[in-house]
Amino acid sequence: KQAARWLTQTELPISELAYRAGYS
């Protein structure tokens, strides 16, 4: 849910937001 929220609300690169959300 946090990754989906960041995908919608931020311009973070997908690789960075994946890491921030706890994905390898």
mmCIF file of all heavy atoms, coordinates in Angstrom:
data_MODEL
# 
_entry.id   MODEL 
# 
loop_
_atom_site.group_PDB 
_atom_site.id 
_atom_site.type_symbol 
_atom_site.label_atom_id 
_atom_site.label_alt_id 
_atom_site.label_comp_id 
_atom_site.label_asym_id 
_atom_site.label_entity_id 
_atom_site.label_seq_id 
_atom_site.pdbx_PDB_ins_code 
_atom_site.Cartn_x 
_atom_site.Cartn_y 
_atom_site.Cartn_z 
_atom_site.occupancy 
_atom_site.B_iso_or_equiv 
_atom_site.pdbx_formal_charge 
_atom_site.auth_seq_id 
_atom_site.auth_comp_id 
_atom_site.auth_asym_id 
_atom_site.auth_atom_id 
_atom_site.pdbx_PDB_model_num 
ATOM 1   N N   . LYS A 1 1  ? 0.826  -1.208 0.000   1.00 0.00 ? 1  LYS A N   1 
ATOM 2   C CA  . LYS A 1 1  ? 0.000  0.000  0.000   1.00 0.00 ? 1  LYS A CA  1 
ATOM 3   C C   . LYS A 1 1  ? 0.865  1.264  0.000   1.00 0.00 ? 1  LYS A C   1 
ATOM 4   O O   . LYS A 1 1  ? 0.526  2.249  -0.660  1.00 0.00 ? 1  LYS A O   1 
ATOM 5   C CB  . LYS A 1 1  ? -0.928 -0.006 1.220   1.00 0.00 ? 1  LYS A CB  1 
ATOM 6   C CG  . LYS A 1 1  ? -2.077 -0.985 1.090   1.00 0.00 ? 1  LYS A CG  1 
ATOM 7   C CD  . LYS A 1 1  ? -2.963 -0.973 2.330   1.00 0.00 ? 1  LYS A CD  1 
ATOM 8   C CE  . LYS A 1 1  ? -4.148 -1.911 2.160   1.00 0.00 ? 1  LYS A CE  1 
ATOM 9   N NZ  . LYS A 1 1  ? -4.991 -1.979 3.380   1.00 0.00 ? 1  LYS A NZ  1 
ATOM 10  N N   . GLN A 1 2  ? 1.982  1.237  0.729   1.00 0.00 ? 2  GLN A N   1 
ATOM 11  C CA  . GLN A 1 2  ? 2.842  2.415  0.743   1.00 0.00 ? 2  GLN A CA  1 
ATOM 12  C C   . GLN A 1 2  ? 3.501  2.609  -0.614  1.00 0.00 ? 2  GLN A C   1 
ATOM 13  O O   . GLN A 1 2  ? 3.633  3.744  -1.100  1.00 0.00 ? 2  GLN A O   1 
ATOM 14  C CB  . GLN A 1 2  ? 3.899  2.280  1.839   1.00 0.00 ? 2  GLN A CB  1 
ATOM 15  C CG  . GLN A 1 2  ? 4.755  3.514  2.035   1.00 0.00 ? 2  GLN A CG  1 
ATOM 16  C CD  . GLN A 1 2  ? 3.951  4.752  2.371   1.00 0.00 ? 2  GLN A CD  1 
ATOM 17  O OE1 . GLN A 1 2  ? 3.426  5.418  1.489   1.00 0.00 ? 2  GLN A OE1 1 
ATOM 18  N NE2 . GLN A 1 2  ? 3.862  5.071  3.655   1.00 0.00 ? 2  GLN A NE2 1 
ATOM 19  N N   . ALA A 1 3  ? 3.930  1.525  -1.232  1.00 0.00 ? 3  ALA A N   1 
ATOM 20  C CA  . ALA A 1 3  ? 4.526  1.629  -2.570  1.00 0.00 ? 3  ALA A CA  1 
ATOM 21  C C   . ALA A 1 3  ? 3.509  2.211  -3.552  1.00 0.00 ? 3  ALA A C   1 
ATOM 22  O O   . ALA A 1 3  ? 3.842  3.094  -4.366  1.00 0.00 ? 3  ALA A O   1 
ATOM 23  C CB  . ALA A 1 3  ? 5.019  0.262  -3.037  1.00 0.00 ? 3  ALA A CB  1 
ATOM 24  N N   . ALA A 1 4  ? 2.270  1.725  -3.487  1.00 0.00 ? 4  ALA A N   1 
ATOM 25  C CA  . ALA A 1 4  ? 1.225  2.236  -4.386  1.00 0.00 ? 4  ALA A CA  1 
ATOM 26  C C   . ALA A 1 4  ? 0.967  3.715  -4.121  1.00 0.00 ? 4  ALA A C   1 
ATOM 27  O O   . ALA A 1 4  ? 0.763  4.503  -5.056  1.00 0.00 ? 4  ALA A O   1 
ATOM 28  C CB  . ALA A 1 4  ? -0.045 1.422  -4.202  1.00 0.00 ? 4  ALA A CB  1 
ATOM 29  N N   . ARG A 1 5  ? 0.976  4.102  -2.857  1.00 0.00 ? 5  ARG A N   1 
ATOM 30  C CA  . ARG A 1 5  ? 0.765  5.511  -2.501  1.00 0.00 ? 5  ARG A CA  1 
ATOM 31  C C   . ARG A 1 5  ? 1.874  6.377  -3.075  1.00 0.00 ? 5  ARG A C   1 
ATOM 32  O O   . ARG A 1 5  ? 1.614  7.451  -3.638  1.00 0.00 ? 5  ARG A O   1 
ATOM 33  C CB  . ARG A 1 5  ? 0.719  5.619  -0.969  1.00 0.00 ? 5  ARG A CB  1 
ATOM 34  C CG  . ARG A 1 5  ? 0.353  6.991  -0.432  1.00 0.00 ? 5  ARG A CG  1 
ATOM 35  C CD  . ARG A 1 5  ? 0.366  6.964  1.080   1.00 0.00 ? 5  ARG A CD  1 
ATOM 36  N NE  . ARG A 1 5  ? -0.013 8.234  1.664   1.00 0.00 ? 5  ARG A NE  1 
ATOM 37  C CZ  . ARG A 1 5  ? 0.218  8.580  2.917   1.00 0.00 ? 5  ARG A CZ  1 
ATOM 38  N NH1 . ARG A 1 5  ? 0.839  7.745  3.719   1.00 0.00 ? 5  ARG A NH1 1 
ATOM 39  N NH2 . ARG A 1 5  ? -0.158 9.744  3.387   1.00 0.00 ? 5  ARG A NH2 1 
ATOM 40  N N   . TRP A 1 6  ? 3.111  5.937  -2.939  1.00 0.00 ? 6  TRP A N   1 
ATOM 41  C CA  . TRP A 1 6  ? 4.235  6.709  -3.468  1.00 0.00 ? 6  TRP A CA  1 
ATOM 42  C C   . TRP A 1 6  ? 4.229  6.754  -4.991  1.00 0.00 ? 6  TRP A C   1 
ATOM 43  O O   . TRP A 1 6  ? 4.612  7.762  -5.590  1.00 0.00 ? 6  TRP A O   1 
ATOM 44  C CB  . TRP A 1 6  ? 5.549  6.127  -2.961  1.00 0.00 ? 6  TRP A CB  1 
ATOM 45  C CG  . TRP A 1 6  ? 5.823  6.467  -1.520  1.00 0.00 ? 6  TRP A CG  1 
ATOM 46  C CD1 . TRP A 1 6  ? 5.335  7.519  -0.809  1.00 0.00 ? 6  TRP A CD1 1 
ATOM 47  C CD2 . TRP A 1 6  ? 6.663  5.734  -0.621  1.00 0.00 ? 6  TRP A CD2 1 
ATOM 48  N NE1 . TRP A 1 6  ? 5.802  7.495  0.490   1.00 0.00 ? 6  TRP A NE1 1 
ATOM 49  C CE2 . TRP A 1 6  ? 6.623  6.417  0.636   1.00 0.00 ? 6  TRP A CE2 1 
ATOM 50  C CE3 . TRP A 1 6  ? 7.437  4.581  -0.727  1.00 0.00 ? 6  TRP A CE3 1 
ATOM 51  C CZ2 . TRP A 1 6  ? 7.330  5.969  1.754   1.00 0.00 ? 6  TRP A CZ2 1 
ATOM 52  C CZ3 . TRP A 1 6  ? 8.134  4.142  0.383   1.00 0.00 ? 6  TRP A CZ3 1 
ATOM 53  C CH2 . TRP A 1 6  ? 8.086  4.828  1.612   1.00 0.00 ? 6  TRP A CH2 1 
ATOM 54  N N   . LEU A 1 7  ? 3.795  5.678  -5.628  1.00 0.00 ? 7  LEU A N   1 
ATOM 55  C CA  . LEU A 1 7  ? 3.692  5.683  -7.090  1.00 0.00 ? 7  LEU A CA  1 
ATOM 56  C C   . LEU A 1 7  ? 2.711  6.757  -7.560  1.00 0.00 ? 7  LEU A C   1 
ATOM 57  O O   . LEU A 1 7  ? 2.925  7.403  -8.585  1.00 0.00 ? 7  LEU A O   1 
ATOM 58  C CB  . LEU A 1 7  ? 3.236  4.310  -7.593  1.00 0.00 ? 7  LEU A CB  1 
ATOM 59  C CG  . LEU A 1 7  ? 4.287  3.204  -7.612  1.00 0.00 ? 7  LEU A CG  1 
ATOM 60  C CD1 . LEU A 1 7  ? 3.623  1.852  -7.800  1.00 0.00 ? 7  LEU A CD1 1 
ATOM 61  C CD2 . LEU A 1 7  ? 5.307  3.446  -8.722  1.00 0.00 ? 7  LEU A CD2 1 
ATOM 62  N N   . THR A 1 8  ? 1.660  6.952  -6.791  1.00 0.00 ? 8  THR A N   1 
ATOM 63  C CA  . THR A 1 8  ? 0.628  7.923  -7.148  1.00 0.00 ? 8  THR A CA  1 
ATOM 64  C C   . THR A 1 8  ? 1.017  9.344  -6.782  1.00 0.00 ? 8  THR A C   1 
ATOM 65  O O   . THR A 1 8  ? 0.772  10.284 -7.539  1.00 0.00 ? 8  THR A O   1 
ATOM 66  C CB  . THR A 1 8  ? -0.693 7.561  -6.443  1.00 0.00 ? 8  THR A CB  1 
ATOM 67  O OG1 . THR A 1 8  ? -1.086 6.245  -6.839  1.00 0.00 ? 8  THR A OG1 1 
ATOM 68  C CG2 . THR A 1 8  ? -1.792 8.542  -6.796  1.00 0.00 ? 8  THR A CG2 1 
ATOM 69  N N   . GLN A 1 9  ? 1.654  9.519  -5.617  1.00 0.00 ? 9  GLN A N   1 
ATOM 70  C CA  . GLN A 1 9  ? 1.825  10.853 -5.049  1.00 0.00 ? 9  GLN A CA  1 
ATOM 71  C C   . GLN A 1 9  ? 3.214  11.450 -5.219  1.00 0.00 ? 9  GLN A C   1 
ATOM 72  O O   . GLN A 1 9  ? 3.406  12.623 -4.897  1.00 0.00 ? 9  GLN A O   1 
ATOM 73  C CB  . GLN A 1 9  ? 1.479  10.814 -3.554  1.00 0.00 ? 9  GLN A CB  1 
ATOM 74  C CG  . GLN A 1 9  ? 0.044  10.421 -3.282  1.00 0.00 ? 9  GLN A CG  1 
ATOM 75  C CD  . GLN A 1 9  ? -0.283 10.362 -1.804  1.00 0.00 ? 9  GLN A CD  1 
ATOM 76  O OE1 . GLN A 1 9  ? 0.568  10.601 -0.941  1.00 0.00 ? 9  GLN A OE1 1 
ATOM 77  N NE2 . GLN A 1 9  ? -1.521 10.039 -1.481  1.00 0.00 ? 9  GLN A NE2 1 
ATOM 78  N N   . THR A 1 10 ? 4.199  10.691 -5.671  1.00 0.00 ? 10 THR A N   1 
ATOM 79  C CA  . THR A 1 10 ? 5.557  11.209 -5.778  1.00 0.00 ? 10 THR A CA  1 
ATOM 80  C C   . THR A 1 10 ? 6.128  10.959 -7.167  1.00 0.00 ? 10 THR A C   1 
ATOM 81  O O   . THR A 1 10 ? 5.558  10.225 -7.976  1.00 0.00 ? 10 THR A O   1 
ATOM 82  C CB  . THR A 1 10 ? 6.501  10.541 -4.745  1.00 0.00 ? 10 THR A CB  1 
ATOM 83  O OG1 . THR A 1 10 ? 6.839  9.209  -5.191  1.00 0.00 ? 10 THR A OG1 1 
ATOM 84  C CG2 . THR A 1 10 ? 5.859  10.471 -3.375  1.00 0.00 ? 10 THR A CG2 1 
ATOM 85  N N   . GLU A 1 11 ? 7.276  11.588 -7.414  1.00 0.00 ? 11 GLU A N   1 
ATOM 86  C CA  . GLU A 1 11 ? 8.015  11.374 -8.659  1.00 0.00 ? 11 GLU A CA  1 
ATOM 87  C C   . GLU A 1 11 ? 9.230  10.464 -8.433  1.00 0.00 ? 11 GLU A C   1 
ATOM 88  O O   . GLU A 1 11 ? 10.115 10.384 -9.288  1.00 0.00 ? 11 GLU A O   1 
ATOM 89  C CB  . GLU A 1 11 ? 8.488  12.725 -9.214  1.00 0.00 ? 11 GLU A CB  1 
ATOM 90  C CG  . GLU A 1 11 ? 7.367  13.700 -9.542  1.00 0.00 ? 11 GLU A CG  1 
ATOM 91  C CD  . GLU A 1 11 ? 6.488  13.204 -10.685 1.00 0.00 ? 11 GLU A CD  1 
ATOM 92  O OE1 . GLU A 1 11 ? 6.997  12.421 -11.516 1.00 0.00 ? 11 GLU A OE1 1 
ATOM 93  O OE2 . GLU A 1 11 ? 5.307  13.594 -10.732 1.00 0.00 ? 11 GLU A OE2 1 
ATOM 94  N N   . LEU A 1 12 ? 9.294  9.795  -7.289  1.00 0.00 ? 12 LEU A N   1 
ATOM 95  C CA  . LEU A 1 12 ? 10.428 8.928  -6.998  1.00 0.00 ? 12 LEU A CA  1 
ATOM 96  C C   . LEU A 1 12 ? 10.591 7.863  -8.078  1.00 0.00 ? 12 LEU A C   1 
ATOM 97  O O   . LEU A 1 12 ? 9.600  7.282  -8.541  1.00 0.00 ? 12 LEU A O   1 
ATOM 98  C CB  . LEU A 1 12 ? 10.228 8.223  -5.654  1.00 0.00 ? 12 LEU A CB  1 
ATOM 99  C CG  . LEU A 1 12 ? 10.366 9.057  -4.384  1.00 0.00 ? 12 LEU A CG  1 
ATOM 100 C CD1 . LEU A 1 12 ? 9.921  8.235  -3.172  1.00 0.00 ? 12 LEU A CD1 1 
ATOM 101 C CD2 . LEU A 1 12 ? 11.810 9.513  -4.208  1.00 0.00 ? 12 LEU A CD2 1 
ATOM 102 N N   . PRO A 1 13 ? 11.828 7.581  -8.502  1.00 0.00 ? 13 PRO A N   1 
ATOM 103 C CA  . PRO A 1 13 ? 12.045 6.464  -9.418  1.00 0.00 ? 13 PRO A CA  1 
ATOM 104 C C   . PRO A 1 13 ? 11.510 5.173  -8.797  1.00 0.00 ? 13 PRO A C   1 
ATOM 105 O O   . PRO A 1 13 ? 11.582 4.989  -7.570  1.00 0.00 ? 13 PRO A O   1 
ATOM 106 C CB  . PRO A 1 13 ? 13.565 6.410  -9.569  1.00 0.00 ? 13 PRO A CB  1 
ATOM 107 C CG  . PRO A 1 13 ? 14.035 7.784  -9.199  1.00 0.00 ? 13 PRO A CG  1 
ATOM 108 C CD  . PRO A 1 13 ? 13.079 8.275  -8.152  1.00 0.00 ? 13 PRO A CD  1 
ATOM 109 N N   . ILE A 1 14 ? 10.993 4.290  -9.609  1.00 0.00 ? 14 ILE A N   1 
ATOM 110 C CA  . ILE A 1 14 ? 10.380 3.071  -9.088  1.00 0.00 ? 14 ILE A CA  1 
ATOM 111 C C   . ILE A 1 14 ? 11.385 2.247  -8.296  1.00 0.00 ? 14 ILE A C   1 
ATOM 112 O O   . ILE A 1 14 ? 11.050 1.674  -7.254  1.00 0.00 ? 14 ILE A O   1 
ATOM 113 C CB  . ILE A 1 14 ? 9.773  2.249  -10.234 1.00 0.00 ? 14 ILE A CB  1 
ATOM 114 C CG1 . ILE A 1 14 ? 8.594  3.018  -10.844 1.00 0.00 ? 14 ILE A CG1 1 
ATOM 115 C CG2 . ILE A 1 14 ? 9.305  0.882  -9.740  1.00 0.00 ? 14 ILE A CG2 1 
ATOM 116 C CD1 . ILE A 1 14 ? 7.989  2.375  -12.072 1.00 0.00 ? 14 ILE A CD1 1 
ATOM 117 N N   . SER A 1 15 ? 12.630 2.211  -8.739  1.00 0.00 ? 15 SER A N   1 
ATOM 118 C CA  . SER A 1 15 ? 13.634 1.428  -8.018  1.00 0.00 ? 15 SER A CA  1 
ATOM 119 C C   . SER A 1 15 ? 13.866 1.982  -6.616  1.00 0.00 ? 15 SER A C   1 
ATOM 120 O O   . SER A 1 15 ? 14.020 1.224  -5.652  1.00 0.00 ? 15 SER A O   1 
ATOM 121 C CB  . SER A 1 15 ? 14.950 1.416  -8.794  1.00 0.00 ? 15 SER A CB  1 
ATOM 122 O OG  . SER A 1 15 ? 15.418 2.744  -9.013  1.00 0.00 ? 15 SER A OG  1 
ATOM 123 N N   . GLU A 1 16 ? 13.838 3.319  -6.471  1.00 0.00 ? 16 GLU A N   1 
ATOM 124 C CA  . GLU A 1 16 ? 14.067 3.935  -5.165  1.00 0.00 ? 16 GLU A CA  1 
ATOM 125 C C   . GLU A 1 16 ? 12.884 3.739  -4.233  1.00 0.00 ? 16 GLU A C   1 
ATOM 126 O O   . GLU A 1 16 ? 13.053 3.401  -3.051  1.00 0.00 ? 16 GLU A O   1 
ATOM 127 C CB  . GLU A 1 16 ? 14.356 5.427  -5.322  1.00 0.00 ? 16 GLU A CB  1 
ATOM 128 C CG  . GLU A 1 16 ? 14.643 6.123  -3.987  1.00 0.00 ? 16 GLU A CG  1 
ATOM 129 C CD  . GLU A 1 16 ? 14.975 7.593  -4.131  1.00 0.00 ? 16 GLU A CD  1 
ATOM 130 O OE1 . GLU A 1 16 ? 15.238 8.046  -5.269  1.00 0.00 ? 16 GLU A OE1 1 
ATOM 131 O OE2 . GLU A 1 16 ? 14.973 8.299  -3.110  1.00 0.00 ? 16 GLU A OE2 1 
ATOM 132 N N   . LEU A 1 17 ? 11.676 3.946  -4.720  1.00 0.00 ? 17 LEU A N   1 
ATOM 133 C CA  . LEU A 1 17 ? 10.521 3.785  -3.844  1.00 0.00 ? 17 LEU A CA  1 
ATOM 134 C C   . LEU A 1 17 ? 10.326 2.320  -3.467  1.00 0.00 ? 17 LEU A C   1 
ATOM 135 O O   . LEU A 1 17 ? 9.837  2.014  -2.366  1.00 0.00 ? 17 LEU A O   1 
ATOM 136 C CB  . LEU A 1 17 ? 9.261  4.399  -4.441  1.00 0.00 ? 17 LEU A CB  1 
ATOM 137 C CG  . LEU A 1 17 ? 8.604  3.792  -5.684  1.00 0.00 ? 17 LEU A CG  1 
ATOM 138 C CD1 . LEU A 1 17 ? 7.693  2.631  -5.346  1.00 0.00 ? 17 LEU A CD1 1 
ATOM 139 C CD2 . LEU A 1 17 ? 7.788  4.893  -6.399  1.00 0.00 ? 17 LEU A CD2 1 
ATOM 140 N N   . ALA A 1 18 ? 10.730 1.392  -4.365  1.00 0.00 ? 18 ALA A N   1 
ATOM 141 C CA  . ALA A 1 18 ? 10.669 -0.027 -4.014  1.00 0.00 ? 18 ALA A CA  1 
ATOM 142 C C   . ALA A 1 18 ? 11.563 -0.313 -2.814  1.00 0.00 ? 18 ALA A C   1 
ATOM 143 O O   . ALA A 1 18 ? 11.165 -0.990 -1.863  1.00 0.00 ? 18 ALA A O   1 
ATOM 144 C CB  . ALA A 1 18 ? 11.086 -0.885 -5.207  1.00 0.00 ? 18 ALA A CB  1 
ATOM 145 N N   . TYR A 1 19 ? 12.768 0.235  -2.849  1.00 0.00 ? 19 TYR A N   1 
ATOM 146 C CA  . TYR A 1 19 ? 13.702 0.052  -1.738  1.00 0.00 ? 19 TYR A CA  1 
ATOM 147 C C   . TYR A 1 19 ? 13.163 0.688  -0.460  1.00 0.00 ? 19 TYR A C   1 
ATOM 148 O O   . TYR A 1 19 ? 13.197 0.083  0.618   1.00 0.00 ? 19 TYR A O   1 
ATOM 149 C CB  . TYR A 1 19 ? 15.060 0.656  -2.101  1.00 0.00 ? 19 TYR A CB  1 
ATOM 150 C CG  . TYR A 1 19 ? 16.078 0.592  -0.990  1.00 0.00 ? 19 TYR A CG  1 
ATOM 151 C CD1 . TYR A 1 19 ? 16.723 -0.590 -0.674  1.00 0.00 ? 19 TYR A CD1 1 
ATOM 152 C CD2 . TYR A 1 19 ? 16.371 1.728  -0.242  1.00 0.00 ? 19 TYR A CD2 1 
ATOM 153 C CE1 . TYR A 1 19 ? 17.645 -0.653 0.364   1.00 0.00 ? 19 TYR A CE1 1 
ATOM 154 C CE2 . TYR A 1 19 ? 17.294 1.689  0.800   1.00 0.00 ? 19 TYR A CE2 1 
ATOM 155 C CZ  . TYR A 1 19 ? 17.927 0.492  1.089   1.00 0.00 ? 19 TYR A CZ  1 
ATOM 156 O OH  . TYR A 1 19 ? 18.834 0.439  2.122   1.00 0.00 ? 19 TYR A OH  1 
ATOM 157 N N   . ARG A 1 20 ? 12.622 1.898  -0.573  1.00 0.00 ? 20 ARG A N   1 
ATOM 158 C CA  . ARG A 1 20 ? 12.087 2.586  0.610   1.00 0.00 ? 20 ARG A CA  1 
ATOM 159 C C   . ARG A 1 20 ? 10.909 1.835  1.217   1.00 0.00 ? 20 ARG A C   1 
ATOM 160 O O   . ARG A 1 20 ? 10.676 1.890  2.430   1.00 0.00 ? 20 ARG A O   1 
ATOM 161 C CB  . ARG A 1 20 ? 11.643 4.000  0.245   1.00 0.00 ? 20 ARG A CB  1 
ATOM 162 C CG  . ARG A 1 20 ? 12.776 4.952  -0.072  1.00 0.00 ? 20 ARG A CG  1 
ATOM 163 C CD  . ARG A 1 20 ? 12.244 6.370  -0.188  1.00 0.00 ? 20 ARG A CD  1 
ATOM 164 N NE  . ARG A 1 20 ? 13.269 7.323  -0.569  1.00 0.00 ? 20 ARG A NE  1 
ATOM 165 C CZ  . ARG A 1 20 ? 13.108 8.636  -0.593  1.00 0.00 ? 20 ARG A CZ  1 
ATOM 166 N NH1 . ARG A 1 20 ? 11.929 9.149  -0.263  1.00 0.00 ? 20 ARG A NH1 1 
ATOM 167 N NH2 . ARG A 1 20 ? 14.089 9.439  -0.951  1.00 0.00 ? 20 ARG A NH2 1 
ATOM 168 N N   . ALA A 1 21 ? 10.154 1.157  0.377   1.00 0.00 ? 21 ALA A N   1 
ATOM 169 C CA  . ALA A 1 21 ? 8.993  0.417  0.865   1.00 0.00 ? 21 ALA A CA  1 
ATOM 170 C C   . ALA A 1 21 ? 9.359  -0.949 1.428   1.00 0.00 ? 21 ALA A C   1 
ATOM 171 O O   . ALA A 1 21 ? 8.492  -1.647 1.958   1.00 0.00 ? 21 ALA A O   1 
ATOM 172 C CB  . ALA A 1 21 ? 7.964  0.256  -0.253  1.00 0.00 ? 21 ALA A CB  1 
ATOM 173 N N   . GLY A 1 22 ? 10.633 -1.337 1.319   1.00 0.00 ? 22 GLY A N   1 
ATOM 174 C CA  . GLY A 1 22 ? 11.064 -2.587 1.928   1.00 0.00 ? 22 GLY A CA  1 
ATOM 175 C C   . GLY A 1 22 ? 11.293 -3.731 0.968   1.00 0.00 ? 22 GLY A C   1 
ATOM 176 O O   . GLY A 1 22 ? 11.487 -4.877 1.405   1.00 0.00 ? 22 GLY A O   1 
ATOM 177 N N   . TYR A 1 23 ? 11.285 -3.452 -0.344  1.00 0.00 ? 23 TYR A N   1 
ATOM 178 C CA  . TYR A 1 23 ? 11.534 -4.505 -1.333  1.00 0.00 ? 23 TYR A CA  1 
ATOM 179 C C   . TYR A 1 23 ? 13.022 -4.539 -1.673  1.00 0.00 ? 23 TYR A C   1 
ATOM 180 O O   . TYR A 1 23 ? 13.700 -3.501 -1.672  1.00 0.00 ? 23 TYR A O   1 
ATOM 181 C CB  . TYR A 1 23 ? 10.699 -4.259 -2.594  1.00 0.00 ? 23 TYR A CB  1 
ATOM 182 C CG  . TYR A 1 23 ? 9.212  -4.360 -2.333  1.00 0.00 ? 23 TYR A CG  1 
ATOM 183 C CD1 . TYR A 1 23 ? 8.470  -3.234 -2.025  1.00 0.00 ? 23 TYR A CD1 1 
ATOM 184 C CD2 . TYR A 1 23 ? 8.572  -5.593 -2.369  1.00 0.00 ? 23 TYR A CD2 1 
ATOM 185 C CE1 . TYR A 1 23 ? 7.111  -3.319 -1.759  1.00 0.00 ? 23 TYR A CE1 1 
ATOM 186 C CE2 . TYR A 1 23 ? 7.210  -5.696 -2.109  1.00 0.00 ? 23 TYR A CE2 1 
ATOM 187 C CZ  . TYR A 1 23 ? 6.490  -4.555 -1.799  1.00 0.00 ? 23 TYR A CZ  1 
ATOM 188 O OH  . TYR A 1 23 ? 5.145  -4.649 -1.526  1.00 0.00 ? 23 TYR A OH  1 
ATOM 189 N N   . SER A 1 24 ? 13.515 -5.717 -1.987  1.00 0.00 ? 24 SER A N   1 
ATOM 190 C CA  . SER A 1 24 ? 14.949 -5.869 -2.270  1.00 0.00 ? 24 SER A CA  1 
ATOM 191 C C   . SER A 1 24 ? 15.352 -5.138 -3.541  1.00 0.00 ? 24 SER A C   1 
ATOM 192 O O   . SER A 1 24 ? 16.470 -4.639 -3.649  1.00 0.00 ? 24 SER A O   1 
ATOM 193 C CB  . SER A 1 24 ? 15.311 -7.359 -2.384  1.00 0.00 ? 24 SER A CB  1 
ATOM 194 O OG  . SER A 1 24 ? 14.513 -7.994 -3.385  1.00 0.00 ? 24 SER A OG  1 
# 
